[in-house]
Amino acid sequence: MARRSKRAVKKPIRQPNAVECIIDRKLRFGEAGCSACKASYSTSINPLTEPIDIYSEWIDECVKLNES
């Protein structure tokens, strides 16, 4: 069975703990999802990846898309 961990991360909106990060270390997969707006982001992970890393990548991708 794959080891999964869930943590809520603060998102820069008015709803605290709206973002939940799921990490599946066996499948090397991480996902962040917002329960308020239903947006999500998934990425590949390494053994050192933490939920804040997935969230930070998501925000960086949003910024990159908004700038282009």
PDB file of N, CA and C in Angstrom:
ATOM      1  N   MET A   1       0.846  -1.181   0.000  1.00  0.00           N
ATOM      2  CA  MET A   1       0.000   0.000   0.000  1.00  0.00           C
ATOM      3  C   MET A   1       0.889   1.240   0.000  1.00  0.00           C
ATOM      4  N   ALA A   2       0.522   2.212  -0.771  1.00  0.00           N
ATOM      5  CA  ALA A   2       1.290   3.450  -0.892  1.00  0.00           C
ATOM      6  C   ALA A   2       1.142   4.291   0.370  1.00  0.00           C
ATOM      7  N   ARG A   3       2.226   4.920   0.752  1.00  0.00           N
ATOM      8  CA  ARG A   3       2.190   5.810   1.913  1.00  0.00           C
ATOM      9  C   ARG A   3       1.726   7.178   1.447  1.00  0.00           C
ATOM     10  N   ARG A   4       0.658   7.677   2.030  1.00  0.00           N
ATOM     11  CA  ARG A   4       0.113   8.975   1.651  1.00  0.00           C
ATOM     12  C   ARG A   4       0.043   9.846   2.888  1.00  0.00           C
ATOM     13  N   SER A   5       0.293  11.105   2.694  1.00  0.00           N
ATOM     14  CA  SER A   5       0.139  12.034   3.799  1.00  0.00           C
ATOM     15  C   SER A   5      -0.669  13.228   3.323  1.00  0.00           C
ATOM     16  N   LYS A   6      -1.472  13.781   4.212  1.00  0.00           N
ATOM     17  CA  LYS A   6      -2.308  14.936   3.887  1.00  0.00           C
ATOM     18  C   LYS A   6      -2.004  16.037   4.890  1.00  0.00           C
ATOM     19  N   ARG A   7      -1.924  17.245   4.397  1.00  0.00           N
ATOM     20  CA  ARG A   7      -1.764  18.406   5.270  1.00  0.00           C
ATOM     21  C   ARG A   7      -2.480  19.578   4.645  1.00  0.00           C
ATOM     22  N   ALA A   8      -3.025  20.408   5.488  1.00  0.00           N
ATOM     23  CA  ALA A   8      -3.655  21.638   5.008  1.00  0.00           C
ATOM     24  C   ALA A   8      -2.606  22.739   5.016  1.00  0.00           C
ATOM     25  N   VAL A   9      -2.595  23.538   3.965  1.00  0.00           N
ATOM     26  CA  VAL A   9      -1.632  24.625   3.815  1.00  0.00           C
ATOM     27  C   VAL A   9      -2.408  25.919   3.659  1.00  0.00           C
ATOM     28  N   LYS A  10      -1.923  26.982   4.268  1.00  0.00           N
ATOM     29  CA  LYS A  10      -2.595  28.273   4.121  1.00  0.00           C
ATOM     30  C   LYS A  10      -2.429  28.797   2.707  1.00  0.00           C
ATOM     31  N   LYS A  11      -3.494  29.307   2.150  1.00  0.00           N
ATOM     32  CA  LYS A  11      -3.540  29.844   0.798  1.00  0.00           C
ATOM     33  C   LYS A  11      -3.786  31.347   0.898  1.00  0.00           C
ATOM     34  N   PRO A  12      -3.244  32.140  -0.024  1.00  0.00           N
ATOM     35  CA  PRO A  12      -3.441  33.590   0.091  1.00  0.00           C
ATOM     36  C   PRO A  12      -4.856  34.039  -0.283  1.00  0.00           C
ATOM     37  N   ILE A  13      -5.838  33.466   0.368  1.00  0.00           N
ATOM     38  CA  ILE A  13      -7.229  33.888   0.224  1.00  0.00           C
ATOM     39  C   ILE A  13      -7.807  34.030   1.622  1.00  0.00           C
ATOM     40  N   ARG A  14      -9.043  34.348   1.719  1.00  0.00           N
ATOM     41  CA  ARG A  14      -9.648  34.596   3.028  1.00  0.00           C
ATOM     42  C   ARG A  14     -10.047  33.331   3.772  1.00  0.00           C
ATOM     43  N   GLN A  15      -9.898  32.181   3.165  1.00  0.00           N
ATOM     44  CA  GLN A  15     -10.278  30.938   3.825  1.00  0.00           C
ATOM     45  C   GLN A  15      -9.031  30.164   4.246  1.00  0.00           C
ATOM     46  N   PRO A  16      -8.707  30.188   5.533  1.00  0.00           N
ATOM     47  CA  PRO A  16      -7.529  29.454   5.994  1.00  0.00           C
ATOM     48  C   PRO A  16      -7.722  27.947   5.829  1.00  0.00           C
ATOM     49  N   ASN A  17      -6.646  27.259   5.594  1.00  0.00           N
ATOM     50  CA  ASN A  17      -6.631  25.797   5.439  1.00  0.00           C
ATOM     51  C   ASN A  17      -7.510  25.306   4.295  1.00  0.00           C
ATOM     52  N   ALA A  18      -7.661  26.110   3.255  1.00  0.00           N
ATOM     53  CA  ALA A  18      -8.476  25.720   2.105  1.00  0.00           C
ATOM     54  C   ALA A  18      -7.713  24.785   1.169  1.00  0.00           C
ATOM     55  N   VAL A  19      -6.387  24.796   1.238  1.00  0.00           N
ATOM     56  CA  VAL A  19      -5.580  23.965   0.352  1.00  0.00           C
ATOM     57  C   VAL A  19      -5.112  22.724   1.099  1.00  0.00           C
ATOM     58  N   GLU A  20      -5.332  21.579   0.468  1.00  0.00           N
ATOM     59  CA  GLU A  20      -4.881  20.314   1.032  1.00  0.00           C
ATOM     60  C   GLU A  20      -3.858  19.697   0.088  1.00  0.00           C
ATOM     61  N   CYS A  21      -2.755  19.257   0.624  1.00  0.00           N
ATOM     62  CA  CYS A  21      -1.711  18.620  -0.175  1.00  0.00           C
ATOM     63  C   CYS A  21      -1.689  17.132   0.113  1.00  0.00           C
ATOM     64  N   ILE A  22      -1.653  16.346  -0.941  1.00  0.00           N
ATOM     65  CA  ILE A  22      -1.567  14.893  -0.829  1.00  0.00           C
ATOM     66  C   ILE A  22      -0.253  14.463  -1.463  1.00  0.00           C
ATOM     67  N   ILE A  23       0.511  13.681  -0.721  1.00  0.00           N
ATOM     68  CA  ILE A  23       1.795  13.188  -1.223  1.00  0.00           C
ATOM     69  C   ILE A  23       1.764  11.666  -1.224  1.00  0.00           C
ATOM     70  N   ASP A  24       2.010  11.081  -2.381  1.00  0.00           N
ATOM     71  CA  ASP A  24       2.124   9.626  -2.506  1.00  0.00           C
ATOM     72  C   ASP A  24       3.582   9.325  -2.832  1.00  0.00           C
ATOM     73  N   ARG A  25       4.352   8.998  -1.820  1.00  0.00           N
ATOM     74  CA  ARG A  25       5.795   8.798  -1.993  1.00  0.00           C
ATOM     75  C   ARG A  25       6.108   7.571  -2.833  1.00  0.00           C
ATOM     76  N   LYS A  26       5.292   6.543  -2.755  1.00  0.00           N
ATOM     77  CA  LYS A  26       5.541   5.325  -3.530  1.00  0.00           C
ATOM     78  C   LYS A  26       5.393   5.592  -5.027  1.00  0.00           C
ATOM     79  N   LEU A  27       4.379   6.348  -5.390  1.00  0.00           N
ATOM     80  CA  LEU A  27       4.145   6.672  -6.801  1.00  0.00           C
ATOM     81  C   LEU A  27       4.861   7.949  -7.231  1.00  0.00           C
ATOM     82  N   ARG A  28       5.534   8.619  -6.284  1.00  0.00           N
ATOM     83  CA  ARG A  28       6.249   9.874  -6.543  1.00  0.00           C
ATOM     84  C   ARG A  28       5.330  10.920  -7.173  1.00  0.00           C
ATOM     85  N   PHE A  29       4.221  11.140  -6.494  1.00  0.00           N
ATOM     86  CA  PHE A  29       3.172  12.019  -6.991  1.00  0.00           C
ATOM     87  C   PHE A  29       2.707  12.921  -5.866  1.00  0.00           C
ATOM     88  N   GLY A  30       2.539  14.204  -6.161  1.00  0.00           N
ATOM     89  CA  GLY A  30       2.013  15.140  -5.183  1.00  0.00           C
ATOM     90  C   GLY A  30       0.927  15.988  -5.800  1.00  0.00           C
ATOM     91  N   GLU A  31      -0.082  16.318  -5.008  1.00  0.00           N
ATOM     92  CA  GLU A  31      -1.181  17.126  -5.513  1.00  0.00           C
ATOM     93  C   GLU A  31      -1.620  18.115  -4.436  1.00  0.00           C
ATOM     94  N   ALA A  32      -1.906  19.331  -4.867  1.00  0.00           N
ATOM     95  CA  ALA A  32      -2.478  20.352  -3.997  1.00  0.00           C
ATOM     96  C   ALA A  32      -3.834  20.717  -4.579  1.00  0.00           C
ATOM     97  N   GLY A  33      -4.841  20.792  -3.734  1.00  0.00           N
ATOM     98  CA  GLY A  33      -6.180  21.137  -4.191  1.00  0.00           C
ATOM     99  C   GLY A  33      -6.835  22.119  -3.244  1.00  0.00           C
ATOM    100  N   CYS A  34      -7.596  23.030  -3.813  1.00  0.00           N
ATOM    101  CA  CYS A  34      -8.288  24.049  -3.028  1.00  0.00           C
ATOM    102  C   CYS A  34      -9.755  23.644  -2.863  1.00  0.00           C
ATOM    103  N   SER A  35     -10.201  23.542  -1.632  1.00  0.00           N
ATOM    104  CA  SER A  35     -11.595  23.167  -1.387  1.00  0.00           C
ATOM    105  C   SER A  35     -12.559  24.331  -1.640  1.00  0.00           C
ATOM    106  N   ALA A  36     -12.044  25.556  -1.660  1.00  0.00           N
ATOM    107  CA  ALA A  36     -12.901  26.727  -1.888  1.00  0.00           C
ATOM    108  C   ALA A  36     -13.234  26.917  -3.364  1.00  0.00           C
ATOM    109  N   CYS A  37     -12.213  26.836  -4.229  1.00  0.00           N
ATOM    110  CA  CYS A  37     -12.446  27.116  -5.653  1.00  0.00           C
ATOM    111  C   CYS A  37     -12.298  25.878  -6.543  1.00  0.00           C
ATOM    112  N   LYS A  38     -11.973  24.751  -5.948  1.00  0.00           N
ATOM    113  CA  LYS A  38     -11.846  23.454  -6.650  1.00  0.00           C
ATOM    114  C   LYS A  38     -10.682  23.410  -7.641  1.00  0.00           C
ATOM    115  N   ALA A  39      -9.764  24.353  -7.572  1.00  0.00           N
ATOM    116  CA  ALA A  39      -8.568  24.317  -8.416  1.00  0.00           C
ATOM    117  C   ALA A  39      -7.604  23.291  -7.838  1.00  0.00           C
ATOM    118  N   SER A  40      -6.770  22.711  -8.709  1.00  0.00           N
ATOM    119  CA  SER A  40      -5.791  21.747  -8.220  1.00  0.00           C
ATOM    120  C   SER A  40      -4.520  21.820  -9.052  1.00  0.00           C
ATOM    121  N   TYR A  41      -3.460  21.277  -8.488  1.00  0.00           N
ATOM    122  CA  TYR A  41      -2.159  21.251  -9.148  1.00  0.00           C
ATOM    123  C   TYR A  41      -1.487  19.941  -8.765  1.00  0.00           C
ATOM    124  N   SER A  42      -0.925  19.246  -9.735  1.00  0.00           N
ATOM    125  CA  SER A  42      -0.213  18.001  -9.445  1.00  0.00           C
ATOM    126  C   SER A  42       1.178  18.058 -10.053  1.00  0.00           C
ATOM    127  N   THR A  43       2.106  17.337  -9.437  1.00  0.00           N
ATOM    128  CA  THR A  43       3.493  17.354  -9.868  1.00  0.00           C
ATOM    129  C   THR A  43       4.192  16.074  -9.426  1.00  0.00           C
ATOM    130  N   SER A  44       5.319  15.804 -10.024  1.00  0.00           N
ATOM    131  CA  SER A  44       6.134  14.677  -9.560  1.00  0.00           C
ATOM    132  C   SER A  44       6.949  15.151  -8.365  1.00  0.00           C
ATOM    133  N   ILE A  45       7.274  14.234  -7.478  1.00  0.00           N
ATOM    134  CA  ILE A  45       7.993  14.598  -6.260  1.00  0.00           C
ATOM    135  C   ILE A  45       9.252  13.757  -6.116  1.00  0.00           C
ATOM    136  N   ASN A  46      10.091  14.163  -5.171  1.00  0.00           N
ATOM    137  CA  ASN A  46      11.266  13.376  -4.804  1.00  0.00           C
ATOM    138  C   ASN A  46      11.151  13.051  -3.313  1.00  0.00           C
ATOM    139  N   PRO A  47      12.066  12.261  -2.761  1.00  0.00           N
ATOM    140  CA  PRO A  47      11.946  11.876  -1.346  1.00  0.00           C
ATOM    141  C   PRO A  47      11.979  13.042  -0.355  1.00  0.00           C
ATOM    142  N   LEU A  48      12.486  14.188  -0.753  1.00  0.00           N
ATOM    143  CA  LEU A  48      12.585  15.326   0.151  1.00  0.00           C
ATOM    144  C   LEU A  48      11.426  16.303   0.045  1.00  0.00           C
ATOM    145  N   THR A  49      10.500  16.072  -0.866  1.00  0.00           N
ATOM    146  CA  THR A  49       9.381  16.993  -1.099  1.00  0.00           C
ATOM    147  C   THR A  49       8.445  17.039   0.108  1.00  0.00           C
ATOM    148  N   GLU A  50       8.068  18.257   0.476  1.00  0.00           N
ATOM    149  CA  GLU A  50       7.107  18.507   1.551  1.00  0.00           C
ATOM    150  C   GLU A  50       5.892  19.220   0.950  1.00  0.00           C
ATOM    151  N   PRO A  51       4.764  19.248   1.652  1.00  0.00           N
ATOM    152  CA  PRO A  51       3.567  19.920   1.122  1.00  0.00           C
ATOM    153  C   PRO A  51       3.808  21.374   0.720  1.00  0.00           C
ATOM    154  N   ILE A  52       4.617  22.092   1.462  1.00  0.00           N
ATOM    155  CA  ILE A  52       4.887  23.494   1.112  1.00  0.00           C
ATOM    156  C   ILE A  52       5.606  23.605  -0.228  1.00  0.00           C
ATOM    157  N   ASP A  53       6.397  22.595  -0.593  1.00  0.00           N
ATOM    158  CA  ASP A  53       7.084  22.601  -1.885  1.00  0.00           C
ATOM    159  C   ASP A  53       6.087  22.499  -3.031  1.00  0.00           C
ATOM    160  N   ILE A  54       5.085  21.653  -2.882  1.00  0.00           N
ATOM    161  CA  ILE A  54       4.056  21.498  -3.919  1.00  0.00           C
ATOM    162  C   ILE A  54       3.254  22.786  -4.035  1.00  0.00           C
ATOM    163  N   TYR A  55       2.879  23.351  -2.901  1.00  0.00           N
ATOM    164  CA  TYR A  55       2.131  24.605  -2.896  1.00  0.00           C
ATOM    165  C   TYR A  55       2.943  25.726  -3.548  1.00  0.00           C
ATOM    166  N   SER A  56       4.213  25.805  -3.226  1.00  0.00           N
ATOM    167  CA  SER A  56       5.077  26.853  -3.797  1.00  0.00           C
ATOM    168  C   SER A  56       5.201  26.706  -5.306  1.00  0.00           C
ATOM    169  N   GLU A  57       5.341  25.474  -5.786  1.00  0.00           N
ATOM    170  CA  GLU A  57       5.388  25.238  -7.234  1.00  0.00           C
ATOM    171  C   GLU A  57       4.096  25.702  -7.888  1.00  0.00           C
ATOM    172  N   TRP A  58       2.976  25.418  -7.256  1.00  0.00           N
ATOM    173  CA  TRP A  58       1.670  25.806  -7.779  1.00  0.00           C
ATOM    174  C   TRP A  58       1.582  27.324  -7.900  1.00  0.00           C
ATOM    175  N   ILE A  59       1.959  28.039  -6.855  1.00  0.00           N
ATOM    176  CA  ILE A  59       1.926  29.497  -6.882  1.00  0.00           C
ATOM    177  C   ILE A  59       2.878  30.033  -7.951  1.00  0.00           C
ATOM    178  N   ASP A  60       4.072  29.459  -8.064  1.00  0.00           N
ATOM    179  CA  ASP A  60       5.031  29.887  -9.088  1.00  0.00           C
ATOM    180  C   ASP A  60       4.468  29.701 -10.490  1.00  0.00           C
ATOM    181  N   GLU A  61       3.783  28.589 -10.734  1.00  0.00           N
ATOM    182  CA  GLU A  61       3.168  28.350 -12.043  1.00  0.00           C
ATOM    183  C   GLU A  61       2.060  29.361 -12.321  1.00  0.00           C
ATOM    184  N   CYS A  62       1.277  29.692 -11.316  1.00  0.00           N
ATOM    185  CA  CYS A  62       0.222  30.702 -11.481  1.00  0.00           C
ATOM    186  C   CYS A  62       0.817  32.053 -11.833  1.00  0.00           C
ATOM    187  N   VAL A  63       1.874  32.428 -11.141  1.00  0.00           N
ATOM    188  CA  VAL A  63       2.530  33.707 -11.412  1.00  0.00           C
ATOM    189  C   VAL A  63       3.086  33.725 -12.835  1.00  0.00           C
ATOM    190  N   LYS A  64       3.718  32.631 -13.233  1.00  0.00           N
ATOM    191  CA  LYS A  64       4.300  32.526 -14.571  1.00  0.00           C
ATOM    192  C   LYS A  64       3.208  32.659 -15.650  1.00  0.00           C
ATOM    193  N   LEU A  65       2.069  32.005 -15.435  1.00  0.00           N
ATOM    194  CA  LEU A  65       0.974  32.098 -16.403  1.00  0.00           C
ATOM    195  C   LEU A  65       0.363  33.488 -16.448  1.00  0.00           C
ATOM    196  N   ASN A  66       0.268  34.132 -15.303  1.00  0.00           N
ATOM    197  CA  ASN A  66      -0.304  35.481 -15.258  1.00  0.00           C
ATOM    198  C   ASN A  66       0.612  36.526 -15.885  1.00  0.00           C
ATOM    199  N   GLU A  67       1.912  36.292 -15.859  1.00  0.00           N
ATOM    200  CA  GLU A  67       2.867  37.231 -16.443  1.00  0.00           C
ATOM    201  C   GLU A  67       2.947  37.110 -17.969  1.00  0.00           C
ATOM    202  N   SER A  68       2.615  35.955 -18.495  1.00  0.00           N
ATOM    203  CA  SER A  68       2.729  35.776 -19.949  1.00  0.00           C
ATOM    204  C   SER A  68       1.491  36.199 -20.690  1.00  0.00           C
TER     205      SER A  68
END
